[in-house]
Amino acid sequence: MSLIWSLIVGGILGWLGSLIVGKDIPGGVIGNIIAGIVGAWIGSALLGDIGPEVGGYSIIPALIGAIILVFVLSLIMRAMRKANK
């Protein structure tokens, strides 16, 4: 059950990160889940475990990490599109 809960929270975090940045994550729901999980890892590495915890993720660092990840991915995707033209 904790795996399902982690996937749900990761998906929500990835979705919120993409909403805040204003860019979509490639891959839809699966992309959001991956962005949320990787973003949680990045955020906890940068900020530690501060704030409330849901589904094994500290929400504030995880959201900040997801925002950073979505922003970096959008820059990479834009550079790849320009290189292909």
PDB file of N, CA and C in Angstrom:
ATOM      1  N   MET A   1       0.824  -1.195   0.000  1.00  0.00           N
ATOM      2  CA  MET A   1       0.000   0.000   0.000  1.00  0.00           C
ATOM      3  C   MET A   1       0.865   1.254   0.000  1.00  0.00           C
ATOM      4  N   SER A   2       2.042   1.196   0.629  1.00  0.00           N
ATOM      5  CA  SER A   2       2.885   2.383   0.674  1.00  0.00           C
ATOM      6  C   SER A   2       3.437   2.716  -0.708  1.00  0.00           C
ATOM      7  N   LEU A   3       3.641   1.719  -1.576  1.00  0.00           N
ATOM      8  CA  LEU A   3       4.099   1.982  -2.933  1.00  0.00           C
ATOM      9  C   LEU A   3       3.039   2.758  -3.708  1.00  0.00           C
ATOM     10  N   ILE A   4       1.810   2.361  -3.590  1.00  0.00           N
ATOM     11  CA  ILE A   4       0.716   3.064  -4.274  1.00  0.00           C
ATOM     12  C   ILE A   4       0.608   4.490  -3.753  1.00  0.00           C
ATOM     13  N   TRP A   5       0.687   4.645  -2.444  1.00  0.00           N
ATOM     14  CA  TRP A   5       0.616   5.978  -1.845  1.00  0.00           C
ATOM     15  C   TRP A   5       1.774   6.853  -2.327  1.00  0.00           C
ATOM     16  N   SER A   6       2.968   6.291  -2.429  1.00  0.00           N
ATOM     17  CA  SER A   6       4.134   7.035  -2.919  1.00  0.00           C
ATOM     18  C   SER A   6       3.952   7.447  -4.369  1.00  0.00           C
ATOM     19  N   LEU A   7       3.391   6.575  -5.188  1.00  0.00           N
ATOM     20  CA  LEU A   7       3.144   6.918  -6.589  1.00  0.00           C
ATOM     21  C   LEU A   7       2.117   8.031  -6.723  1.00  0.00           C
ATOM     22  N   ILE A   8       1.080   7.989  -5.905  1.00  0.00           N
ATOM     23  CA  ILE A   8       0.057   9.029  -5.949  1.00  0.00           C
ATOM     24  C   ILE A   8       0.638  10.368  -5.527  1.00  0.00           C
ATOM     25  N   VAL A   9       1.355  10.393  -4.413  1.00  0.00           N
ATOM     26  CA  VAL A   9       1.956  11.645  -3.930  1.00  0.00           C
ATOM     27  C   VAL A   9       2.998  12.146  -4.921  1.00  0.00           C
ATOM     28  N   GLY A  10       3.805  11.251  -5.492  1.00  0.00           N
ATOM     29  CA  GLY A  10       4.786  11.642  -6.500  1.00  0.00           C
ATOM     30  C   GLY A  10       4.130  12.244  -7.731  1.00  0.00           C
ATOM     31  N   GLY A  11       3.028  11.657  -8.167  1.00  0.00           N
ATOM     32  CA  GLY A  11       2.294  12.197  -9.310  1.00  0.00           C
ATOM     33  C   GLY A  11       1.726  13.574  -9.042  1.00  0.00           C
ATOM     34  N   ILE A  12       1.189  13.763  -7.851  1.00  0.00           N
ATOM     35  CA  ILE A  12       0.642  15.072  -7.487  1.00  0.00           C
ATOM     36  C   ILE A  12       1.753  16.110  -7.397  1.00  0.00           C
ATOM     37  N   LEU A  13       2.891  15.745  -6.819  1.00  0.00           N
ATOM     38  CA  LEU A  13       4.015  16.677  -6.715  1.00  0.00           C
ATOM     39  C   LEU A  13       4.541  17.059  -8.094  1.00  0.00           C
ATOM     40  N   GLY A  14       4.669  16.093  -8.993  1.00  0.00           N
ATOM     41  CA  GLY A  14       5.108  16.372 -10.356  1.00  0.00           C
ATOM     42  C   GLY A  14       4.133  17.258 -11.094  1.00  0.00           C
ATOM     43  N   TRP A  15       2.851  17.002 -10.909  1.00  0.00           N
ATOM     44  CA  TRP A  15       1.808  17.805 -11.542  1.00  0.00           C
ATOM     45  C   TRP A  15       1.835  19.237 -11.017  1.00  0.00           C
ATOM     46  N   LEU A  16       1.969  19.398  -9.694  1.00  0.00           N
ATOM     47  CA  LEU A  16       2.052  20.746  -9.121  1.00  0.00           C
ATOM     48  C   LEU A  16       3.303  21.478  -9.599  1.00  0.00           C
ATOM     49  N   GLY A  17       4.415  20.771  -9.706  1.00  0.00           N
ATOM     50  CA  GLY A  17       5.644  21.378 -10.216  1.00  0.00           C
ATOM     51  C   GLY A  17       5.473  21.883 -11.634  1.00  0.00           C
ATOM     52  N   SER A  18       4.798  21.098 -12.466  1.00  0.00           N
ATOM     53  CA  SER A  18       4.585  21.534 -13.849  1.00  0.00           C
ATOM     54  C   SER A  18       3.595  22.688 -13.921  1.00  0.00           C
ATOM     55  N   LEU A  19       2.629  22.725 -13.033  1.00  0.00           N
ATOM     56  CA  LEU A  19       1.700  23.861 -12.995  1.00  0.00           C
ATOM     57  C   LEU A  19       2.407  25.147 -12.590  1.00  0.00           C
ATOM     58  N   ILE A  20       3.265  25.069 -11.603  1.00  0.00           N
ATOM     59  CA  ILE A  20       3.966  26.259 -11.108  1.00  0.00           C
ATOM     60  C   ILE A  20       4.937  26.788 -12.162  1.00  0.00           C
ATOM     61  N   VAL A  21       5.663  25.900 -12.816  1.00  0.00           N
ATOM     62  CA  VAL A  21       6.620  26.321 -13.841  1.00  0.00           C
ATOM     63  C   VAL A  21       5.888  26.745 -15.117  1.00  0.00           C
ATOM     64  N   GLY A  22       4.752  26.146 -15.384  1.00  0.00           N
ATOM     65  CA  GLY A  22       3.989  26.478 -16.582  1.00  0.00           C
ATOM     66  C   GLY A  22       4.389  25.662 -17.792  1.00  0.00           C
ATOM     67  N   LYS A  23       5.077  24.576 -17.593  1.00  0.00           N
ATOM     68  CA  LYS A  23       5.508  23.690 -18.681  1.00  0.00           C
ATOM     69  C   LYS A  23       4.990  22.282 -18.399  1.00  0.00           C
ATOM     70  N   ASP A  24       4.632  21.583 -19.466  1.00  0.00           N
ATOM     71  CA  ASP A  24       4.166  20.208 -19.313  1.00  0.00           C
ATOM     72  C   ASP A  24       5.343  19.243 -19.288  1.00  0.00           C
ATOM     73  N   ILE A  25       5.164  18.189 -18.535  1.00  0.00           N
ATOM     74  CA  ILE A  25       6.155  17.117 -18.464  1.00  0.00           C
ATOM     75  C   ILE A  25       5.829  16.121 -19.576  1.00  0.00           C
ATOM     76  N   PRO A  26       6.825  15.742 -20.393  1.00  0.00           N
ATOM     77  CA  PRO A  26       6.553  14.691 -21.380  1.00  0.00           C
ATOM     78  C   PRO A  26       6.227  13.373 -20.670  1.00  0.00           C
ATOM     79  N   GLY A  27       5.285  12.641 -21.204  1.00  0.00           N
ATOM     80  CA  GLY A  27       4.947  11.342 -20.629  1.00  0.00           C
ATOM     81  C   GLY A  27       3.651  11.345 -19.846  1.00  0.00           C
ATOM     82  N   GLY A  28       3.002  12.483 -19.709  1.00  0.00           N
ATOM     83  CA  GLY A  28       1.717  12.543 -19.028  1.00  0.00           C
ATOM     84  C   GLY A  28       1.802  12.162 -17.564  1.00  0.00           C
ATOM     85  N   VAL A  29       0.928  11.259 -17.150  1.00  0.00           N
ATOM     86  CA  VAL A  29       0.837  10.862 -15.741  1.00  0.00           C
ATOM     87  C   VAL A  29       2.127  10.183 -15.281  1.00  0.00           C
ATOM     88  N   ILE A  30       2.671   9.316 -16.115  1.00  0.00           N
ATOM     89  CA  ILE A  30       3.906   8.622 -15.739  1.00  0.00           C
ATOM     90  C   ILE A  30       5.045   9.621 -15.617  1.00  0.00           C
ATOM     91  N   GLY A  31       5.102  10.597 -16.509  1.00  0.00           N
ATOM     92  CA  GLY A  31       6.112  11.647 -16.421  1.00  0.00           C
ATOM     93  C   GLY A  31       5.972  12.459 -15.147  1.00  0.00           C
ATOM     94  N   ASN A  32       4.725  12.746 -14.748  1.00  0.00           N
ATOM     95  CA  ASN A  32       4.488  13.466 -13.502  1.00  0.00           C
ATOM     96  C   ASN A  32       4.937  12.654 -12.298  1.00  0.00           C
ATOM     97  N   ILE A  33       4.669  11.367 -12.305  1.00  0.00           N
ATOM     98  CA  ILE A  33       5.087  10.509 -11.187  1.00  0.00           C
ATOM     99  C   ILE A  33       6.611  10.485 -11.086  1.00  0.00           C
ATOM    100  N   ILE A  34       7.274  10.313 -12.227  1.00  0.00           N
ATOM    101  CA  ILE A  34       8.736  10.281 -12.226  1.00  0.00           C
ATOM    102  C   ILE A  34       9.298  11.617 -11.772  1.00  0.00           C
ATOM    103  N   ALA A  35       8.724  12.718 -12.284  1.00  0.00           N
ATOM    104  CA  ALA A  35       9.195  14.051 -11.888  1.00  0.00           C
ATOM    105  C   ALA A  35       8.981  14.285 -10.396  1.00  0.00           C
ATOM    106  N   GLY A  36       7.878  13.817  -9.851  1.00  0.00           N
ATOM    107  CA  GLY A  36       7.622  13.975  -8.422  1.00  0.00           C
ATOM    108  C   GLY A  36       8.588  13.177  -7.569  1.00  0.00           C
ATOM    109  N   ILE A  37       8.860  11.944  -7.962  1.00  0.00           N
ATOM    110  CA  ILE A  37       9.762  11.095  -7.185  1.00  0.00           C
ATOM    111  C   ILE A  37      11.197  11.604  -7.274  1.00  0.00           C
ATOM    112  N   VAL A  38      11.659  11.910  -8.484  1.00  0.00           N
ATOM    113  CA  VAL A  38      13.017  12.428  -8.648  1.00  0.00           C
ATOM    114  C   VAL A  38      13.130  13.811  -8.013  1.00  0.00           C
ATOM    115  N   GLY A  39      12.085  14.622  -8.153  1.00  0.00           N
ATOM    116  CA  GLY A  39      12.073  15.941  -7.518  1.00  0.00           C
ATOM    117  C   GLY A  39      12.126  15.849  -6.003  1.00  0.00           C
ATOM    118  N   ALA A  40      11.464  14.854  -5.438  1.00  0.00           N
ATOM    119  CA  ALA A  40      11.524  14.651  -3.985  1.00  0.00           C
ATOM    120  C   ALA A  40      12.937  14.288  -3.564  1.00  0.00           C
ATOM    121  N   TRP A  41      13.611  13.483  -4.361  1.00  0.00           N
ATOM    122  CA  TRP A  41      14.993  13.117  -4.051  1.00  0.00           C
ATOM    123  C   TRP A  41      15.900  14.342  -4.141  1.00  0.00           C
ATOM    124  N   ILE A  42      15.736  15.149  -5.187  1.00  0.00           N
ATOM    125  CA  ILE A  42      16.542  16.366  -5.349  1.00  0.00           C
ATOM    126  C   ILE A  42      16.281  17.336  -4.198  1.00  0.00           C
ATOM    127  N   GLY A  43      15.011  17.556  -3.889  1.00  0.00           N
ATOM    128  CA  GLY A  43      14.658  18.490  -2.824  1.00  0.00           C
ATOM    129  C   GLY A  43      15.158  18.067  -1.464  1.00  0.00           C
ATOM    130  N   SER A  44      15.072  16.770  -1.169  1.00  0.00           N
ATOM    131  CA  SER A  44      15.557  16.315   0.130  1.00  0.00           C
ATOM    132  C   SER A  44      17.080  16.363   0.192  1.00  0.00           C
ATOM    133  N   ALA A  45      17.755  16.195  -0.951  1.00  0.00           N
ATOM    134  CA  ALA A  45      19.211  16.306  -0.965  1.00  0.00           C
ATOM    135  C   ALA A  45      19.647  17.750  -0.739  1.00  0.00           C
ATOM    136  N   LEU A  46      18.877  18.694  -1.273  1.00  0.00           N
ATOM    137  CA  LEU A  46      19.218  20.110  -1.131  1.00  0.00           C
ATOM    138  C   LEU A  46      18.780  20.705   0.198  1.00  0.00           C
ATOM    139  N   LEU A  47      17.574  20.351   0.642  1.00  0.00           N
ATOM    140  CA  LEU A  47      16.978  21.012   1.806  1.00  0.00           C
ATOM    141  C   LEU A  47      16.804  20.125   3.023  1.00  0.00           C
ATOM    142  N   GLY A  48      16.983  18.851   2.887  1.00  0.00           N
ATOM    143  CA  GLY A  48      16.758  17.950   4.013  1.00  0.00           C
ATOM    144  C   GLY A  48      15.284  17.619   4.148  1.00  0.00           C
ATOM    145  N   ASP A  49      14.902  17.167   5.308  1.00  0.00           N
ATOM    146  CA  ASP A  49      13.516  16.757   5.566  1.00  0.00           C
ATOM    147  C   ASP A  49      12.813  17.777   6.445  1.00  0.00           C
ATOM    148  N   ILE A  50      12.410  18.891   5.849  1.00  0.00           N
ATOM    149  CA  ILE A  50      11.696  19.924   6.593  1.00  0.00           C
ATOM    150  C   ILE A  50      10.224  19.911   6.197  1.00  0.00           C
ATOM    151  N   GLY A  51       9.391  20.366   7.063  1.00  0.00           N
ATOM    152  CA  GLY A  51       7.977  20.479   6.765  1.00  0.00           C
ATOM    153  C   GLY A  51       7.222  19.186   6.961  1.00  0.00           C
ATOM    154  N   PRO A  52       5.945  19.222   6.606  1.00  0.00           N
ATOM    155  CA  PRO A  52       5.096  18.037   6.792  1.00  0.00           C
ATOM    156  C   PRO A  52       5.482  16.908   5.837  1.00  0.00           C
ATOM    157  N   GLU A  53       5.173  15.690   6.262  1.00  0.00           N
ATOM    158  CA  GLU A  53       5.508  14.507   5.473  1.00  0.00           C
ATOM    159  C   GLU A  53       4.233  13.764   5.092  1.00  0.00           C
ATOM    160  N   VAL A  54       4.112  13.442   3.810  1.00  0.00           N
ATOM    161  CA  VAL A  54       2.967  12.677   3.309  1.00  0.00           C
ATOM    162  C   VAL A  54       3.497  11.609   2.371  1.00  0.00           C
ATOM    163  N   GLY A  55       3.116  10.380   2.591  1.00  0.00           N
ATOM    164  CA  GLY A  55       3.523   9.281   1.718  1.00  0.00           C
ATOM    165  C   GLY A  55       5.017   9.047   1.691  1.00  0.00           C
ATOM    166  N   GLY A  56       5.709   9.404   2.748  1.00  0.00           N
ATOM    167  CA  GLY A  56       7.146   9.212   2.797  1.00  0.00           C
ATOM    168  C   GLY A  56       7.944  10.366   2.218  1.00  0.00           C
ATOM    169  N   TYR A  57       7.259  11.413   1.752  1.00  0.00           N
ATOM    170  CA  TYR A  57       7.921  12.578   1.171  1.00  0.00           C
ATOM    171  C   TYR A  57       7.701  13.796   2.056  1.00  0.00           C
ATOM    172  N   SER A  58       8.766  14.540   2.307  1.00  0.00           N
ATOM    173  CA  SER A  58       8.607  15.839   2.950  1.00  0.00           C
ATOM    174  C   SER A  58       8.129  16.791   1.860  1.00  0.00           C
ATOM    175  N   ILE A  59       6.956  17.347   2.039  1.00  0.00           N
ATOM    176  CA  ILE A  59       6.248  18.036   0.969  1.00  0.00           C
ATOM    177  C   ILE A  59       6.993  19.267   0.450  1.00  0.00           C
ATOM    178  N   ILE A  60       7.499  20.112   1.313  1.00  0.00           N
ATOM    179  CA  ILE A  60       8.126  21.369   0.874  1.00  0.00           C
ATOM    180  C   ILE A  60       9.386  21.096   0.047  1.00  0.00           C
ATOM    181  N   PRO A  61      10.355  20.320   0.529  1.00  0.00           N
ATOM    182  CA  PRO A  61      11.524  20.042  -0.316  1.00  0.00           C
ATOM    183  C   PRO A  61      11.172  19.269  -1.584  1.00  0.00           C
ATOM    184  N   ALA A  62      10.203  18.364  -1.500  1.00  0.00           N
ATOM    185  CA  ALA A  62       9.823  17.579  -2.669  1.00  0.00           C
ATOM    186  C   ALA A  62       9.215  18.472  -3.743  1.00  0.00           C
ATOM    187  N   LEU A  63       8.385  19.419  -3.350  1.00  0.00           N
ATOM    188  CA  LEU A  63       7.774  20.333  -4.313  1.00  0.00           C
ATOM    189  C   LEU A  63       8.833  21.244  -4.938  1.00  0.00           C
ATOM    190  N   ILE A  64       9.742  21.743  -4.127  1.00  0.00           N
ATOM    191  CA  ILE A  64      10.816  22.594  -4.652  1.00  0.00           C
ATOM    192  C   ILE A  64      11.698  21.788  -5.608  1.00  0.00           C
ATOM    193  N   GLY A  65      12.005  20.557  -5.258  1.00  0.00           N
ATOM    194  CA  GLY A  65      12.792  19.702  -6.140  1.00  0.00           C
ATOM    195  C   GLY A  65      12.071  19.403  -7.449  1.00  0.00           C
ATOM    196  N   ALA A  66      10.751  19.180  -7.387  1.00  0.00           N
ATOM    197  CA  ALA A  66       9.976  18.936  -8.598  1.00  0.00           C
ATOM    198  C   ALA A  66       9.960  20.174  -9.490  1.00  0.00           C
ATOM    199  N   ILE A  67       9.859  21.351  -8.889  1.00  0.00           N
ATOM    200  CA  ILE A  67       9.897  22.595  -9.663  1.00  0.00           C
ATOM    201  C   ILE A  67      11.243  22.742 -10.359  1.00  0.00           C
ATOM    202  N   ILE A  68      12.322  22.481  -9.640  1.00  0.00           N
ATOM    203  CA  ILE A  68      13.668  22.568 -10.233  1.00  0.00           C
ATOM    204  C   ILE A  68      13.792  21.582 -11.383  1.00  0.00           C
ATOM    205  N   LEU A  69      13.339  20.354 -11.184  1.00  0.00           N
ATOM    206  CA  LEU A  69      13.446  19.334 -12.216  1.00  0.00           C
ATOM    207  C   LEU A  69      12.642  19.703 -13.455  1.00  0.00           C
ATOM    208  N   VAL A  70      11.417  20.163 -13.276  1.00  0.00           N
ATOM    209  CA  VAL A  70      10.580  20.546 -14.415  1.00  0.00           C
ATOM    210  C   VAL A  70      11.214  21.713 -15.167  1.00  0.00           C
ATOM    211  N   PHE A  71      11.761  22.669 -14.447  1.00  0.00           N
ATOM    212  CA  PHE A  71      12.405  23.816 -15.082  1.00  0.00           C
ATOM    213  C   PHE A  71      13.610  23.382 -15.911  1.00  0.00           C
ATOM    214  N   VAL A  72      14.454  22.533 -15.336  1.00  0.00           N
ATOM    215  CA  VAL A  72      15.644  22.057 -16.053  1.00  0.00           C
ATOM    216  C   VAL A  72      15.235  21.218 -17.267  1.00  0.00           C
ATOM    217  N   LEU A  73      14.242  20.355 -17.108  1.00  0.00           N
ATOM    218  CA  LEU A  73      13.768  19.561 -18.236  1.00  0.00           C
ATOM    219  C   LEU A  73      13.208  20.430 -19.346  1.00  0.00           C
ATOM    220  N   SER A  74      12.496  21.498 -18.996  1.00  0.00           N
ATOM    221  CA  SER A  74      11.953  22.384 -20.025  1.00  0.00           C
ATOM    222  C   SER A  74      13.076  23.092 -20.778  1.00  0.00           C
ATOM    223  N   LEU A  75      14.149  23.471 -20.086  1.00  0.00           N
ATOM    224  CA  LEU A  75      15.294  24.084 -20.765  1.00  0.00           C
ATOM    225  C   LEU A  75      15.962  23.098 -21.718  1.00  0.00           C
ATOM    226  N   ILE A  76      16.117  21.862 -21.275  1.00  0.00           N
ATOM    227  CA  ILE A  76      16.736  20.836 -22.116  1.00  0.00           C
ATOM    228  C   ILE A  76      15.871  20.548 -23.338  1.00  0.00           C
ATOM    229  N   MET A  77      14.568  20.421 -23.138  1.00  0.00           N
ATOM    230  CA  MET A  77      13.662  20.136 -24.256  1.00  0.00           C
ATOM    231  C   MET A  77      13.667  21.281 -25.267  1.00  0.00           C
ATOM    232  N   ARG A  78      13.712  22.527 -24.779  1.00  0.00           N
ATOM    233  CA  ARG A  78      13.742  23.678 -25.684  1.00  0.00           C
ATOM    234  C   ARG A  78      15.039  23.682 -26.479  1.00  0.00           C
ATOM    235  N   ALA A  79      16.158  23.376 -25.842  1.00  0.00           N
ATOM    236  CA  ALA A  79      17.441  23.327 -26.543  1.00  0.00           C
ATOM    237  C   ALA A  79      17.456  22.207 -27.578  1.00  0.00           C
ATOM    238  N   MET A  80      16.845  21.090 -27.279  1.00  0.00           N
ATOM    239  CA  MET A  80      16.787  19.983 -28.229  1.00  0.00           C
ATOM    240  C   MET A  80      15.919  20.334 -29.432  1.00  0.00           C
ATOM    241  N   ARG A  81      14.809  21.038 -29.193  1.00  0.00           N
ATOM    242  CA  ARG A  81      13.956  21.461 -30.296  1.00  0.00           C
ATOM    243  C   ARG A  81      14.681  22.442 -31.208  1.00  0.00           C
ATOM    244  N   LYS A  82      15.437  23.368 -30.630  1.00  0.00           N
ATOM    245  CA  LYS A  82      16.187  24.326 -31.439  1.00  0.00           C
ATOM    246  C   LYS A  82      17.289  23.636 -32.229  1.00  0.00           C
ATOM    247  N   ALA A  83      17.907  22.630 -31.657  1.00  0.00           N
ATOM    248  CA  ALA A  83      18.982  21.906 -32.350  1.00  0.00           C
ATOM    249  C   ALA A  83      18.444  21.087 -33.523  1.00  0.00           C
ATOM    250  N   ASN A  84      17.203  20.645 -33.447  1.00  0.00           N
ATOM    251  CA  ASN A  84      16.618  19.826 -34.516  1.00  0.00           C
ATOM    252  C   ASN A  84      16.090  20.654 -35.668  1.00  0.00           C
ATOM    253  N   LYS A  85      15.981  21.946 -35.527  1.00  0.00           N
ATOM    254  CA  LYS A  85      15.439  22.796 -36.608  1.00  0.00           C
ATOM    255  C   LYS A  85      16.465  23.151 -37.621  1.00  0.00           C
TER     256      LYS A  85
END
